[in-house]
């Protein structure tokens, strides 16, 4: 599953509202939230699970959910 997600990594995006939710939920203050999340996904120790079209990523005690690849 990780290989599939990584092969589609360029498709990851969010809205302005999504950016604010991610910043709040992860308690981060970074300029490019999508790039930040992509870097987490690319880490060697990231764990990826897929349920339907949603990917769930667990990394460094952070869970990124509902990463949808169209």
Protein backbone atom coordinates (compact mmCIF):
# COMPACT_ATOMS: atom_id res chain seq x y z
CA UNK A 1 0.00 0.00 0.00
CA UNK A 2 2.82 2.38 0.76
CA UNK A 3 4.23 1.90 -2.74
CA UNK A 4 0.83 2.77 -4.27
CA UNK A 5 0.47 5.88 -2.11
CA UNK A 6 4.01 7.01 -2.92
CA UNK A 7 3.41 6.54 -6.64
CA UNK A 8 0.45 8.93 -6.36
CA UNK A 9 2.03 11.36 -3.89
CA UNK A 10 1.85 14.27 -6.32
CA UNK A 11 -1.96 14.08 -6.17
CA UNK A 12 -2.11 14.95 -2.47
CA UNK A 13 -3.69 18.35 -1.90
CA UNK A 14 -6.11 20.18 0.38
CA UNK A 15 -8.22 23.31 0.57
CA UNK A 16 -7.42 26.50 2.51
CA UNK A 17 -9.81 25.32 5.24
CA UNK A 18 -8.05 21.93 5.22
CA UNK A 19 -4.70 23.64 5.70
CA UNK A 20 -5.99 25.44 8.79
CA UNK A 21 -7.50 22.22 10.22
CA UNK A 22 -4.25 20.32 9.69
CA UNK A 23 -2.20 23.09 11.33
CA UNK A 24 -4.56 23.12 14.31
CA UNK A 25 -4.84 19.33 14.66
CA UNK A 26 -1.09 18.72 14.35
CA UNK A 27 -0.20 21.87 16.29
CA UNK A 28 2.23 23.00 13.59
CA UNK A 29 3.08 26.36 12.09
CA UNK A 30 4.58 25.59 8.70
CA UNK A 31 4.13 27.43 5.44
CA UNK A 32 3.51 24.40 3.21
CA UNK A 33 1.29 21.92 5.06
CA UNK A 34 0.96 19.55 2.12
CA UNK A 35 4.74 19.31 1.74
CA UNK A 36 5.04 18.72 5.50
CA UNK A 37 2.56 15.83 5.32
CA UNK A 38 4.20 14.37 2.21
CA UNK A 39 7.55 14.37 4.01
CA UNK A 40 5.96 12.48 6.91
CA UNK A 41 4.49 9.92 4.51
CA UNK A 42 7.88 9.41 2.84
CA UNK A 43 9.63 8.60 6.13
CA UNK A 44 11.01 5.07 6.35
CA UNK A 45 9.02 4.25 9.49
CA UNK A 46 5.63 5.47 8.25
CA UNK A 47 2.89 2.85 8.37
CA UNK A 48 0.16 2.92 5.71
CA UNK A 49 -3.22 1.22 5.80
CA UNK A 50 -5.93 1.43 3.17
CA UNK A 51 -9.67 1.15 3.70
CA UNK A 52 -11.60 1.68 0.49
CA UNK A 53 -10.22 4.77 -1.19
CA UNK A 54 -8.90 6.24 2.07
CA UNK A 55 -5.32 5.91 3.23
CA UNK A 56 -4.43 6.08 6.90
CA UNK A 57 -0.84 7.02 7.74
CA UNK A 58 0.71 6.58 11.18
CA UNK A 59 4.09 8.20 11.74
CA UNK A 60 5.87 9.50 14.85
CA UNK A 61 2.62 9.27 16.89
CA UNK A 62 0.81 11.34 14.25
CA UNK A 63 -2.12 9.90 12.35
CA UNK A 64 -2.99 11.43 8.99
CA UNK A 65 -6.37 10.17 7.89
CA UNK A 66 -8.54 10.29 4.83
CA UNK A 67 -5.83 10.78 2.29
CA UNK A 68 -7.94 10.13 -0.76
CA UNK A 69 -6.45 9.28 -4.12
CA UNK A 70 -9.01 9.84 -6.86
